[in-house]
C-alpha atoms as a PDB file:
ATOM      1  CA  UNK A   1     -22.658 -30.793   1.420  1.00  0.00           C
ATOM      2  CA  UNK A   2     -22.625 -27.637  -0.694  1.00  0.00           C
ATOM      3  CA  UNK A   3     -19.264 -25.953  -1.209  1.00  0.00           C
ATOM      4  CA  UNK A   4     -18.211 -22.364  -1.791  1.00  0.00           C
ATOM      5  CA  UNK A   5     -15.003 -20.521  -2.590  1.00  0.00           C
ATOM      6  CA  UNK A   6     -13.101 -18.683   0.131  1.00  0.00           C
ATOM      7  CA  UNK A   7      -9.640 -17.358   0.940  1.00  0.00           C
ATOM      8  CA  UNK A   8      -8.267 -19.482   3.774  1.00  0.00           C
ATOM      9  CA  UNK A   9      -5.220 -18.809   5.969  1.00  0.00           C
ATOM     10  CA  UNK A  10      -3.777 -22.068   7.313  1.00  0.00           C
ATOM     11  CA  UNK A  11      -0.416 -20.723   8.500  1.00  0.00           C
ATOM     12  CA  UNK A  12       0.905 -17.232   9.225  1.00  0.00           C
ATOM     13  CA  UNK A  13       3.226 -15.755   6.640  1.00  0.00           C
ATOM     14  CA  UNK A  14       3.442 -13.963   3.314  1.00  0.00           C
ATOM     15  CA  UNK A  15       0.987 -13.389   0.515  1.00  0.00           C
ATOM     16  CA  UNK A  16       1.296 -17.019  -0.529  1.00  0.00           C
ATOM     17  CA  UNK A  17      -0.627 -17.959   2.629  1.00  0.00           C
ATOM     18  CA  UNK A  18      -3.840 -16.601   1.083  1.00  0.00           C
ATOM     19  CA  UNK A  19      -5.229 -19.857  -0.333  1.00  0.00           C
ATOM     20  CA  UNK A  20      -8.255 -19.886  -2.642  1.00  0.00           C
ATOM     21  CA  UNK A  21     -10.089 -22.986  -1.431  1.00  0.00           C
ATOM     22  CA  UNK A  22     -13.379 -24.837  -1.691  1.00  0.00           C
ATOM     23  CA  UNK A  23     -14.929 -25.001   1.778  1.00  0.00           C
ATOM     24  CA  UNK A  24     -18.312 -26.193   3.066  1.00  0.00           C
ATOM     25  CA  UNK A  25     -21.069 -23.613   2.876  1.00  0.00           C
ATOM     26  CA  UNK A  26     -21.999 -22.866   6.507  1.00  0.00           C
ATOM     27  CA  UNK A  27     -25.495 -23.373   7.889  1.00  0.00           C
ATOM     28  CA  UNK A  28     -26.837 -20.680  10.236  1.00  0.00           C
ATOM     29  CA  UNK A  29     -27.642 -21.656  13.807  1.00  0.00           C
ATOM     30  CA  UNK A  30     -29.400 -19.759  16.560  1.00  0.00           C
ATOM     31  CA  UNK A  31     -28.952 -16.001  16.219  1.00  0.00           C
ATOM     32  CA  UNK A  32     -27.127 -16.363  12.912  1.00  0.00           C
ATOM     33  CA  UNK A  33     -27.791 -15.675   9.249  1.00  0.00           C
ATOM     34  CA  UNK A  34     -25.985 -16.626   6.062  1.00  0.00           C
ATOM     35  CA  UNK A  35     -24.940 -13.617   3.977  1.00  0.00           C
ATOM     36  CA  UNK A  36     -24.192 -13.911   0.263  1.00  0.00           C
ATOM     37  CA  UNK A  37     -21.194 -11.588   0.075  1.00  0.00           C
ATOM     38  CA  UNK A  38     -21.443  -8.772  -2.468  1.00  0.00           C
ATOM     39  CA  UNK A  39     -18.161  -7.180  -1.444  1.00  0.00           C
ATOM     40  CA  UNK A  40     -15.459  -7.403   1.189  1.00  0.00           C
ATOM     41  CA  UNK A  41     -13.141  -4.504   1.933  1.00  0.00           C
ATOM     42  CA  UNK A  42      -9.390  -5.085   2.053  1.00  0.00           C
ATOM     43  CA  UNK A  43      -8.119  -3.494   5.264  1.00  0.00           C
ATOM     44  CA  UNK A  44      -4.536  -3.128   6.455  1.00  0.00           C
ATOM     45  CA  UNK A  45      -5.523  -5.218   9.458  1.00  0.00           C
ATOM     46  CA  UNK A  46      -5.966  -8.101   6.998  1.00  0.00           C
ATOM     47  CA  UNK A  47      -2.202  -7.985   6.414  1.00  0.00           C
ATOM     48  CA  UNK A  48      -1.529  -8.155  10.152  1.00  0.00           C
ATOM     49  CA  UNK A  49      -3.939 -11.079  10.431  1.00  0.00           C
ATOM     50  CA  UNK A  50      -2.128 -12.927   7.656  1.00  0.00           C
ATOM     51  CA  UNK A  51       1.261 -12.261   9.247  1.00  0.00           C
ATOM     52  CA  UNK A  52       0.117 -13.742  12.552  1.00  0.00           C
ATOM     53  CA  UNK A  53       0.264 -10.548  14.618  1.00  0.00           C
ATOM     54  CA  UNK A  54      -2.724 -11.589  16.754  1.00  0.00           C
ATOM     55  CA  UNK A  55      -1.754 -14.525  18.983  1.00  0.00           C
ATOM     56  CA  UNK A  56      -5.383 -15.506  19.649  1.00  0.00           C
ATOM     57  CA  UNK A  57      -6.218 -15.862  15.947  1.00  0.00           C
ATOM     58  CA  UNK A  58      -7.732 -19.192  14.994  1.00  0.00           C
ATOM     59  CA  UNK A  59      -6.261 -21.079  12.032  1.00  0.00           C
ATOM     60  CA  UNK A  60      -7.268 -22.313   9.549  1.00  0.00           C
ATOM     61  CA  UNK A  61      -9.663 -19.423   9.050  1.00  0.00           C
ATOM     62  CA  UNK A  62     -11.411 -17.512   6.287  1.00  0.00           C
ATOM     63  CA  UNK A  63      -9.939 -14.038   6.540  1.00  0.00           C
ATOM     64  CA  UNK A  64     -11.621 -10.615   6.175  1.00  0.00           C
ATOM     65  CA  UNK A  65     -13.756  -8.487   8.491  1.00  0.00           C
ATOM     66  CA  UNK A  66     -15.467  -5.935   6.207  1.00  0.00           C
ATOM     67  CA  UNK A  67     -18.427  -7.394   4.339  1.00  0.00           C
ATOM     68  CA  UNK A  68     -21.896  -6.655   3.049  1.00  0.00           C
ATOM     69  CA  UNK A  69     -24.393  -8.608   1.006  1.00  0.00           C
ATOM     70  CA  UNK A  70     -27.857 -10.170   0.952  1.00  0.00           C
ATOM     71  CA  UNK A  71     -29.151 -12.618   3.537  1.00  0.00           C
ATOM     72  CA  UNK A  72     -29.593 -16.027   1.918  1.00  0.00           C
ATOM     73  CA  UNK A  73     -30.671 -18.061   4.973  1.00  0.00           C
ATOM     74  CA  UNK A  74     -31.830 -17.331   8.528  1.00  0.00           C
ATOM     75  CA  UNK A  75     -31.260 -19.420  11.660  1.00  0.00           C
ATOM     76  CA  UNK A  76     -33.519 -19.814  14.658  1.00  0.00           C
ATOM     77  CA  UNK A  77     -34.259 -17.002  17.064  1.00  0.00           C
ATOM     78  CA  UNK A  78     -33.395 -14.220  14.620  1.00  0.00           C
ATOM     79  CA  UNK A  79     -35.736 -11.243  14.858  1.00  0.00           C
ATOM     80  CA  UNK A  80     -35.779  -8.348  12.443  1.00  0.00           C
ATOM     81  CA  UNK A  81     -33.981  -9.927   9.481  1.00  0.00           C
ATOM     82  CA  UNK A  82     -35.335 -12.055   6.640  1.00  0.00           C
ATOM     83  CA  UNK A  83     -33.979 -13.659   3.491  1.00  0.00           C
ATOM     84  CA  UNK A  84     -33.247 -10.979   0.907  1.00  0.00           C
ATOM     85  CA  UNK A  85     -32.372  -8.206   3.351  1.00  0.00           C
ATOM     86  CA  UNK A  86     -29.371  -6.111   2.334  1.00  0.00           C
ATOM     87  CA  UNK A  87     -26.966  -5.883   5.277  1.00  0.00           C
ATOM     88  CA  UNK A  88     -23.509  -4.727   6.319  1.00  0.00           C
ATOM     89  CA  UNK A  89     -21.604  -5.889   9.382  1.00  0.00           C
ATOM     90  CA  UNK A  90     -19.600  -4.463  12.234  1.00  0.00           C
ATOM     91  CA  UNK A  91     -16.334  -6.127  13.279  1.00  0.00           C
ATOM     92  CA  UNK A  92     -18.082  -8.341  15.834  1.00  0.00           C
ATOM     93  CA  UNK A  93     -21.456  -8.916  17.484  1.00  0.00           C
ATOM     94  CA  UNK A  94     -21.926  -7.753  21.058  1.00  0.00           C
ATOM     95  CA  UNK A  95     -23.257 -10.214  23.639  1.00  0.00           C
ATOM     96  CA  UNK A  96     -25.909  -7.750  24.820  1.00  0.00           C
ATOM     97  CA  UNK A  97     -25.686  -8.817  28.462  1.00  0.00           C
ATOM     98  CA  UNK A  98     -22.286  -7.846  29.892  1.00  0.00           C
ATOM     99  CA  UNK A  99     -21.733  -4.627  31.855  1.00  0.00           C
ATOM    100  CA  UNK A 100     -20.331  -2.798  28.824  1.00  0.00           C
ATOM    101  CA  UNK A 101     -23.302  -3.765  26.649  1.00  0.00           C
ATOM    102  CA  UNK A 102     -25.724  -2.757  29.404  1.00  0.00           C
ATOM    103  CA  UNK A 103     -24.037   0.651  29.449  1.00  0.00           C
ATOM    104  CA  UNK A 104     -24.450   1.022  25.681  1.00  0.00           C
ATOM    105  CA  UNK A 105     -20.741   0.419  25.010  1.00  0.00           C
ATOM    106  CA  UNK A 106     -21.045  -2.509  22.598  1.00  0.00           C
ATOM    107  CA  UNK A 107     -17.545  -1.997  21.176  1.00  0.00           C
ATOM    108  CA  UNK A 108     -16.193  -2.827  24.651  1.00  0.00           C
ATOM    109  CA  UNK A 109     -18.231  -6.024  24.967  1.00  0.00           C
ATOM    110  CA  UNK A 110     -16.507  -8.541  27.254  1.00  0.00           C
ATOM    111  CA  UNK A 111     -18.936 -11.402  26.659  1.00  0.00           C
ATOM    112  CA  UNK A 112     -18.664 -12.198  22.950  1.00  0.00           C
ATOM    113  CA  UNK A 113     -15.679 -14.176  21.639  1.00  0.00           C
ATOM    114  CA  UNK A 114     -16.702 -13.584  18.022  1.00  0.00           C
ATOM    115  CA  UNK A 115     -14.377 -11.496  15.832  1.00  0.00           C
ATOM    116  CA  UNK A 116     -14.751 -11.909  12.080  1.00  0.00           C
ATOM    117  CA  UNK A 117     -11.541 -13.062  10.434  1.00  0.00           C
ATOM    118  CA  UNK A 118      -9.848 -13.701  13.786  1.00  0.00           C
ATOM    119  CA  UNK A 119     -11.914 -16.112  15.871  1.00  0.00           C
ATOM    120  CA  UNK A 120     -14.588 -17.007  13.298  1.00  0.00           C
ATOM    121  CA  UNK A 121     -14.600 -17.115   9.516  1.00  0.00           C
ATOM    122  CA  UNK A 122     -14.791 -13.759   7.773  1.00  0.00           C
ATOM    123  CA  UNK A 123     -15.796 -12.177   4.509  1.00  0.00           C
ATOM    124  CA  UNK A 124     -13.176 -13.203   1.920  1.00  0.00           C
ATOM    125  CA  UNK A 125     -15.727 -15.735   0.694  1.00  0.00           C
ATOM    126  CA  UNK A 126     -18.802 -16.218  -1.437  1.00  0.00           C
ATOM    127  CA  UNK A 127     -20.921 -16.520   1.718  1.00  0.00           C
ATOM    128  CA  UNK A 128     -20.287 -15.762   5.374  1.00  0.00           C
ATOM    129  CA  UNK A 129     -21.972 -16.927   8.558  1.00  0.00           C
ATOM    130  CA  UNK A 130     -22.904 -13.765  10.452  1.00  0.00           C
ATOM    131  CA  UNK A 131     -24.460 -13.067  13.834  1.00  0.00           C
ATOM    132  CA  UNK A 132     -27.568 -10.926  13.486  1.00  0.00           C
ATOM    133  CA  UNK A 133     -26.309  -8.814  16.416  1.00  0.00           C
ATOM    134  CA  UNK A 134     -23.539  -7.444  14.181  1.00  0.00           C
ATOM    135  CA  UNK A 135     -25.739  -6.478  11.230  1.00  0.00           C
ATOM    136  CA  UNK A 136     -27.247  -3.216  10.007  1.00  0.00           C
ATOM    137  CA  UNK A 137     -29.576  -2.786   7.051  1.00  0.00           C
ATOM    138  CA  UNK A 138     -28.085  -1.044   4.019  1.00  0.00           C
ATOM    139  CA  UNK A 139     -30.337   1.759   2.715  1.00  0.00           C
ATOM    140  CA  UNK A 140     -31.602   1.724  -0.842  1.00  0.00           C
ATOM    141  CA  UNK A 141     -29.262   3.662  -3.091  1.00  0.00           C
ATOM    142  CA  UNK A 142     -26.071   2.483  -1.372  1.00  0.00           C
ATOM    143  CA  UNK A 143     -24.220  -0.163  -3.375  1.00  0.00           C
ATOM    144  CA  UNK A 144     -23.459  -3.233  -1.288  1.00  0.00           C
ATOM    145  CA  UNK A 145     -19.808  -3.358  -2.305  1.00  0.00           C
ATOM    146  CA  UNK A 146     -19.434   0.237  -1.090  1.00  0.00           C
ATOM    147  CA  UNK A 147     -21.370  -0.477   2.099  1.00  0.00           C
ATOM    148  CA  UNK A 148     -18.998  -3.354   2.899  1.00  0.00           C
ATOM    149  CA  UNK A 149     -16.205  -1.123   4.205  1.00  0.00           C
ATOM    150  CA  UNK A 150     -18.088   1.841   5.670  1.00  0.00           C
ATOM    151  CA  UNK A 151     -18.064   0.428   9.203  1.00  0.00           C
ATOM    152  CA  UNK A 152     -14.289   0.014   9.287  1.00  0.00           C
ATOM    153  CA  UNK A 153     -13.634   3.391   7.626  1.00  0.00           C
ATOM    154  CA  UNK A 154     -16.282   6.063   8.146  1.00  0.00           C
ATOM    155  CA  UNK A 155     -17.873   4.372  11.173  1.00  0.00           C
ATOM    156  CA  UNK A 156     -14.538   3.967  12.936  1.00  0.00           C
ATOM    157  CA  UNK A 157     -13.656   7.592  12.162  1.00  0.00           C
ATOM    158  CA  UNK A 158     -17.012   8.826  13.439  1.00  0.00           C
ATOM    159  CA  UNK A 159     -16.639   7.079  16.789  1.00  0.00           C
ATOM    160  CA  UNK A 160     -13.037   8.227  17.193  1.00  0.00           C
ATOM    161  CA  UNK A 161     -13.814  11.854  16.387  1.00  0.00           C
ATOM    162  CA  UNK A 162     -17.185  12.283  18.068  1.00  0.00           C
ATOM    163  CA  UNK A 163     -17.091   9.883  21.027  1.00  0.00           C
ATOM    164  CA  UNK A 164     -13.411  10.095  21.975  1.00  0.00           C
ATOM    165  CA  UNK A 165     -12.006  13.328  20.514  1.00  0.00           C
ATOM    166  CA  UNK A 166     -15.302  15.147  21.149  1.00  0.00           C
ATOM    167  CA  UNK A 167     -14.656  17.354  18.146  1.00  0.00           C
ATOM    168  CA  UNK A 168     -16.603  20.611  17.921  1.00  0.00           C
ATOM    169  CA  UNK A 169     -17.307  22.766  14.896  1.00  0.00           C
ATOM    170  CA  UNK A 170     -14.377  24.956  13.900  1.00  0.00           C
ATOM    171  CA  UNK A 171     -11.677  22.828  15.527  1.00  0.00           C
ATOM    172  CA  UNK A 172      -8.685  21.706  13.458  1.00  0.00           C
ATOM    173  CA  UNK A 173      -8.102  17.978  13.047  1.00  0.00           C
ATOM    174  CA  UNK A 174      -4.825  16.500  11.770  1.00  0.00           C
ATOM    175  CA  UNK A 175      -5.270  13.119  10.045  1.00  0.00           C
ATOM    176  CA  UNK A 176      -2.279  10.878   9.354  1.00  0.00           C
ATOM    177  CA  UNK A 177      -2.342   8.163   6.714  1.00  0.00           C
ATOM    178  CA  UNK A 178      -4.965  10.339   5.110  1.00  0.00           C
ATOM    179  CA  UNK A 179      -5.017   8.677   1.696  1.00  0.00           C
ATOM    180  CA  UNK A 180      -5.870   5.215   3.045  1.00  0.00           C
ATOM    181  CA  UNK A 181      -9.317   3.741   3.397  1.00  0.00           C
ATOM    182  CA  UNK A 182      -9.917   5.111   6.880  1.00  0.00           C
ATOM    183  CA  UNK A 183      -8.228   8.416   6.108  1.00  0.00           C
ATOM    184  CA  UNK A 184     -10.222   9.279   2.983  1.00  0.00           C
ATOM    185  CA  UNK A 185     -13.451   8.712   4.887  1.00  0.00           C
ATOM    186  CA  UNK A 186     -12.215  10.323   8.103  1.00  0.00           C
ATOM    187  CA  UNK A 187     -11.652  13.555   6.187  1.00  0.00           C
ATOM    188  CA  UNK A 188     -15.281  13.520   5.091  1.00  0.00           C
ATOM    189  CA  UNK A 189     -16.567  12.623   8.560  1.00  0.00           C
ATOM    190  CA  UNK A 190     -14.532  15.416  10.158  1.00  0.00           C
ATOM    191  CA  UNK A 191     -15.938  17.914   7.652  1.00  0.00           C
ATOM    192  CA  UNK A 192     -19.500  16.725   8.307  1.00  0.00           C
ATOM    193  CA  UNK A 193     -18.847  17.325  12.019  1.00  0.00           C
ATOM    194  CA  UNK A 194     -17.732  20.867  11.220  1.00  0.00           C
ATOM    195  CA  UNK A 195     -13.973  20.537  11.626  1.00  0.00           C
ATOM    196  CA  UNK A 196     -11.126  22.027   9.634  1.00  0.00           C
ATOM    197  CA  UNK A 197      -8.947  19.213   8.283  1.00  0.00           C
ATOM    198  CA  UNK A 198      -5.187  19.027   7.797  1.00  0.00           C
ATOM    199  CA  UNK A 199      -4.426  15.812   5.901  1.00  0.00           C
ATOM    200  CA  UNK A 200      -0.943  14.282   6.098  1.00  0.00           C
ATOM    201  CA  UNK A 201       0.474  12.100   3.328  1.00  0.00           C
ATOM    202  CA  UNK A 202       3.884  10.945   2.199  1.00  0.00           C
ATOM    203  CA  UNK A 203       2.909  10.892  -1.480  1.00  0.00           C
ATOM    204  CA  UNK A 204       2.738  13.988  -3.713  1.00  0.00           C
ATOM    205  CA  UNK A 205       0.595  11.973  -6.143  1.00  0.00           C
ATOM    206  CA  UNK A 206      -2.210  11.754  -3.560  1.00  0.00           C
ATOM    207  CA  UNK A 207      -2.504  15.457  -2.729  1.00  0.00           C
ATOM    208  CA  UNK A 208      -5.251  16.234  -5.252  1.00  0.00           C
ATOM    209  CA  UNK A 209      -7.374  13.278  -4.121  1.00  0.00           C
ATOM    210  CA  UNK A 210      -7.174  14.468  -0.519  1.00  0.00           C
ATOM    211  CA  UNK A 211      -8.289  17.950  -1.497  1.00  0.00           C
ATOM    212  CA  UNK A 212     -11.177  16.542  -3.556  1.00  0.00           C
ATOM    213  CA  UNK A 213     -12.665  14.756  -0.550  1.00  0.00           C
ATOM    214  CA  UNK A 214     -12.516  17.906   1.555  1.00  0.00           C
ATOM    215  CA  UNK A 215      -9.095  18.426   3.149  1.00  0.00           C
ATOM    216  CA  UNK A 216      -8.572  22.121   3.846  1.00  0.00           C
ATOM    217  CA  UNK A 217      -4.799  21.690   3.997  1.00  0.00           C
ATOM    218  CA  UNK A 218      -2.528  18.888   2.790  1.00  0.00           C
ATOM    219  CA  UNK A 219       0.877  18.438   4.392  1.00  0.00           C
ATOM    220  CA  UNK A 220       3.528  16.335   2.695  1.00  0.00           C
ATOM    221  CA  UNK A 221       5.480  14.442   5.329  1.00  0.00           C
ATOM    222  CA  UNK A 222       9.251  14.967   4.872  1.00  0.00           C
ATOM    223  CA  UNK A 223      11.662  11.995   4.804  1.00  0.00           C
ATOM    224  CA  UNK A 224      12.433  12.432   8.503  1.00  0.00           C
ATOM    225  CA  UNK A 225       8.709  12.268   9.337  1.00  0.00           C
ATOM    226  CA  UNK A 226       8.709  15.629  11.140  1.00  0.00           C
ATOM    227  CA  UNK A 227       5.514  16.926   9.537  1.00  0.00           C
ATOM    228  CA  UNK A 228       4.515  18.646  12.796  1.00  0.00           C
ATOM    229  CA  UNK A 229       6.665  21.645  11.896  1.00  0.00           C
ATOM    230  CA  UNK A 230       4.544  22.294   8.809  1.00  0.00           C
ATOM    231  CA  UNK A 231       1.310  21.676  10.723  1.00  0.00           C
ATOM    232  CA  UNK A 232       2.328  24.196  13.378  1.00  0.00           C
ATOM    233  CA  UNK A 233       3.132  26.768  10.706  1.00  0.00           C
ATOM    234  CA  UNK A 234      -0.356  26.428   9.191  1.00  0.00           C
ATOM    235  CA  UNK A 235      -2.344  26.492  12.430  1.00  0.00           C
ATOM    236  CA  UNK A 236      -2.794  28.825  15.362  1.00  0.00           C
ATOM    237  CA  UNK A 237      -0.467  27.128  17.822  1.00  0.00           C
ATOM    238  CA  UNK A 238      -1.312  23.620  16.638  1.00  0.00           C
ATOM    239  CA  UNK A 239      -4.320  21.422  15.967  1.00  0.00           C
ATOM    240  CA  UNK A 240      -6.984  20.647  18.545  1.00  0.00           C
ATOM    241  CA  UNK A 241      -7.098  16.979  17.566  1.00  0.00           C
ATOM    242  CA  UNK A 242      -4.794  14.472  15.897  1.00  0.00           C
ATOM    243  CA  UNK A 243      -6.391  11.349  14.454  1.00  0.00           C
ATOM    244  CA  UNK A 244      -3.547   8.835  14.374  1.00  0.00           C
ATOM    245  CA  UNK A 245      -4.245   6.207  11.723  1.00  0.00           C
ATOM    246  CA  UNK A 246      -0.689   4.947  11.169  1.00  0.00           C
ATOM    247  CA  UNK A 247       0.859   4.373  14.569  1.00  0.00           C
ATOM    248  CA  UNK A 248       4.556   4.298  15.423  1.00  0.00           C
ATOM    249  CA  UNK A 249       5.955   5.974  12.255  1.00  0.00           C
ATOM    250  CA  UNK A 250       3.844   9.133  12.726  1.00  0.00           C
ATOM    251  CA  UNK A 251       2.936   9.017  16.412  1.00  0.00           C
ATOM    252  CA  UNK A 252       5.339  11.582  17.841  1.00  0.00           C
ATOM    253  CA  UNK A 253       4.870  14.038  14.989  1.00  0.00           C
ATOM    254  CA  UNK A 254       1.107  13.815  15.575  1.00  0.00           C
ATOM    255  CA  UNK A 255       1.633  14.502  19.268  1.00  0.00           C
ATOM    256  CA  UNK A 256       3.800  17.521  18.473  1.00  0.00           C
ATOM    257  CA  UNK A 257       1.197  18.838  16.037  1.00  0.00           C
ATOM    258  CA  UNK A 258      -1.202  19.495  18.910  1.00  0.00           C
ATOM    259  CA  UNK A 259      -1.837  22.805  20.583  1.00  0.00           C
ATOM    260  CA  UNK A 260      -1.877  23.101  24.375  1.00  0.00           C
ATOM    261  CA  UNK A 261      -4.795  21.025  25.649  1.00  0.00           C
ATOM    262  CA  UNK A 262      -4.992  19.014  22.429  1.00  0.00           C
ATOM    263  CA  UNK A 263      -6.305  15.452  22.070  1.00  0.00           C
ATOM    264  CA  UNK A 264      -4.634  12.521  20.306  1.00  0.00           C
ATOM    265  CA  UNK A 265      -6.882   9.605  19.316  1.00  0.00           C
ATOM    266  CA  UNK A 266      -5.111   6.456  18.151  1.00  0.00           C
ATOM    267  CA  UNK A 267      -6.965   4.261  15.687  1.00  0.00           C
ATOM    268  CA  UNK A 268      -4.219   2.466  13.750  1.00  0.00           C
ATOM    269  CA  UNK A 269      -0.836   0.902  14.383  1.00  0.00           C
ATOM    270  CA  UNK A 270       0.068  -0.639  11.038  1.00  0.00           C
ATOM    271  CA  UNK A 271       3.632  -1.630  11.949  1.00  0.00           C
ATOM    272  CA  UNK A 272       2.647  -2.972  15.416  1.00  0.00           C
ATOM    273  CA  UNK A 273       5.760  -1.247  16.833  1.00  0.00           C
ATOM    274  CA  UNK A 274       6.030   0.316  20.267  1.00  0.00           C
ATOM    275  CA  UNK A 275       6.593   4.042  20.728  1.00  0.00           C
ATOM    276  CA  UNK A 276       8.279   6.135  23.407  1.00  0.00           C
ATOM    277  CA  UNK A 277       6.449   9.061  24.956  1.00  0.00           C
ATOM    278  CA  UNK A 278       7.949  11.768  27.138  1.00  0.00           C
ATOM    279  CA  UNK A 279       5.494  12.185  30.020  1.00  0.00           C
ATOM    280  CA  UNK A 280       6.830  15.672  30.666  1.00  0.00           C
ATOM    281  CA  UNK A 281       5.651  16.834  27.246  1.00  0.00           C
ATOM    282  CA  UNK A 282       2.134  15.592  27.990  1.00  0.00           C
ATOM    283  CA  UNK A 283       2.159  17.280  31.380  1.00  0.00           C
ATOM    284  CA  UNK A 284       3.479  20.657  30.287  1.00  0.00           C
ATOM    285  CA  UNK A 285       1.063  20.916  27.348  1.00  0.00           C
ATOM    286  CA  UNK A 286      -1.839  19.174  29.129  1.00  0.00           C
ATOM    287  CA  UNK A 287      -2.344  16.752  26.253  1.00  0.00           C
ATOM    288  CA  UNK A 288      -4.807  13.860  26.279  1.00  0.00           C
ATOM    289  CA  UNK A 289      -4.337  10.493  24.558  1.00  0.00           C
ATOM    290  CA  UNK A 290      -6.718   7.589  24.059  1.00  0.00           C
ATOM    291  CA  UNK A 291      -7.303   4.635  21.789  1.00  0.00           C
ATOM    292  CA  UNK A 292     -10.448   4.043  19.764  1.00  0.00           C
ATOM    293  CA  UNK A 293     -11.489   0.639  18.494  1.00  0.00           C
ATOM    294  CA  UNK A 294     -14.244  -0.218  16.037  1.00  0.00           C
ATOM    295  CA  UNK A 295     -17.689   1.435  15.969  1.00  0.00           C
ATOM    296  CA  UNK A 296     -21.225   0.635  17.051  1.00  0.00           C
ATOM    297  CA  UNK A 297     -24.140  -0.471  14.915  1.00  0.00           C
ATOM    298  CA  UNK A 298     -25.634   2.979  15.465  1.00  0.00           C
ATOM    299  CA  UNK A 299     -22.439   4.559  14.094  1.00  0.00           C
ATOM    300  CA  UNK A 300     -22.586   2.279  11.055  1.00  0.00           C
ATOM    301  CA  UNK A 301     -26.264   3.058  10.464  1.00  0.00           C
ATOM    302  CA  UNK A 302     -25.497   6.775  10.601  1.00  0.00           C
ATOM    303  CA  UNK A 303     -22.672   6.713   8.048  1.00  0.00           C
ATOM    304  CA  UNK A 304     -24.741   4.454   5.758  1.00  0.00           C
ATOM    305  CA  UNK A 305     -27.494   7.064   5.873  1.00  0.00           C
ATOM    306  CA  UNK A 306     -24.946   9.778   5.057  1.00  0.00           C
ATOM    307  CA  UNK A 307     -23.909   7.718   2.029  1.00  0.00           C
ATOM    308  CA  UNK A 308     -27.548   7.256   1.001  1.00  0.00           C
ATOM    309  CA  UNK A 309     -28.173  11.011   1.106  1.00  0.00           C
ATOM    310  CA  UNK A 310     -24.908  11.941  -0.612  1.00  0.00           C
ATOM    311  CA  UNK A 311     -23.278  13.627   2.391  1.00  0.00           C
ATOM    312  CA  UNK A 312     -20.524  11.001   2.386  1.00  0.00           C
ATOM    313  CA  UNK A 313     -18.985   9.415  -0.706  1.00  0.00           C
ATOM    314  CA  UNK A 314     -17.560   5.889  -0.378  1.00  0.00           C
ATOM    315  CA  UNK A 315     -14.113   5.925  -2.017  1.00  0.00           C
ATOM    316  CA  UNK A 316     -13.442   2.692  -3.907  1.00  0.00           C
ATOM    317  CA  UNK A 317      -9.820   2.349  -5.028  1.00  0.00           C
ATOM    318  CA  UNK A 318     -10.616  -0.692  -7.145  1.00  0.00           C
ATOM    319  CA  UNK A 319     -12.680  -3.870  -7.376  1.00  0.00           C
ATOM    320  CA  UNK A 320     -10.905  -7.208  -7.722  1.00  0.00           C
ATOM    321  CA  UNK A 321     -12.186 -10.788  -7.934  1.00  0.00           C
ATOM    322  CA  UNK A 322     -11.837 -12.932  -4.836  1.00  0.00           C
ATOM    323  CA  UNK A 323      -9.082 -14.959  -6.494  1.00  0.00           C
ATOM    324  CA  UNK A 324      -6.893 -11.825  -6.556  1.00  0.00           C
ATOM    325  CA  UNK A 325      -6.862 -11.329  -2.781  1.00  0.00           C
ATOM    326  CA  UNK A 326      -3.062 -11.585  -2.711  1.00  0.00           C
ATOM    327  CA  UNK A 327      -2.759  -8.947  -5.433  1.00  0.00           C
ATOM    328  CA  UNK A 328      -5.046  -6.642  -3.446  1.00  0.00           C
ATOM    329  CA  UNK A 329      -2.961  -6.993  -0.300  1.00  0.00           C
ATOM    330  CA  UNK A 330       0.218  -6.493  -2.334  1.00  0.00           C
ATOM    331  CA  UNK A 331      -1.125  -3.124  -3.463  1.00  0.00           C
ATOM    332  CA  UNK A 332      -1.555  -2.098   0.176  1.00  0.00           C
ATOM    333  CA  UNK A 333       2.017  -3.102   0.888  1.00  0.00           C
ATOM    334  CA  UNK A 334       3.151  -0.947  -2.051  1.00  0.00           C
ATOM    335  CA  UNK A 335       1.212   2.042  -0.630  1.00  0.00           C
ATOM    336  CA  UNK A 336      -0.393   2.537  -4.033  1.00  0.00           C
ATOM    337  CA  UNK A 337      -4.012   2.594  -2.800  1.00  0.00           C
ATOM    338  CA  UNK A 338      -6.129   5.723  -2.337  1.00  0.00           C
ATOM    339  CA  UNK A 339      -9.389   4.719  -0.650  1.00  0.00           C
ATOM    340  CA  UNK A 340     -10.523   1.129  -0.183  1.00  0.00           C
ATOM    341  CA  UNK A 341     -10.008  -1.923  -2.374  1.00  0.00           C
ATOM    342  CA  UNK A 342     -12.949  -4.328  -2.526  1.00  0.00           C
ATOM    343  CA  UNK A 343     -12.954  -8.041  -3.284  1.00  0.00           C
ATOM    344  CA  UNK A 344     -15.929  -9.213  -5.349  1.00  0.00           C
ATOM    345  CA  UNK A 345     -16.770 -12.923  -4.868  1.00  0.00           C
END
């Protein structure tokens, strides 16, 4: 049986749990293809996966959920894809038959147990077994390593801002964790949708990078985390929308950055902590809150087309060989990354 290299997690824990291993090269079955990985994005969720924050996670498992590459083999019953196609993947394939899928809400699919890097092997590997229902073609002119992370960054931001926040041109959007992979692309997506962007960061060294990708204002979060005071001073009574990419550490400041009738959309919770919310504050200011998870294949196709036409620039913080997966995750822990790191098998 042919073997390939992959990063395998056998037990939850620290960076040492990322094991470079030789594993059998998978063979595609019905509805599946084999993708020769050209790049796999390193997401903060990968750290949570490694630490065992998801109780349903299968182990041992090949980690990683952001990948793109060329199809090297096709299983039975696959329509629309052939060997050699350049593809990128969503987080999971939808079943296509449940009530959510029938309603066009594939991110809410209740029928598919497949989640790359959690329930099935993911993209920290030379090849990955992928379901054709999760794949989108990558346009010519978009590098595959850059396409690898656009679903989990720009696609996720697009769904959060357009589908949930219902942003309209001229509205102000506050983005926390703005220098991360999602944040750097969310700024661009918000600008494409016509919004004014206030980017929040804790690092003075990242201010210029945030302005280069389109932030209209950059707010440095103070040590106490109360950046909402500065946001309120730079807006007319607060922002219309807060895109919360961090979670507990910035949650309440995001909420207090909103004007009356504002909307908070929660995309990230990097510390997995709980937060306390005063219901009275929500009532008096008529604020709305919702979560947003993943993005559809249509969302991914749209942001890939934006990248192909130059409207959106994929921000690569660095490219590392697969063997340096632990070093890549260590850089995320150090908060030294602006954009997205990519592993190159």
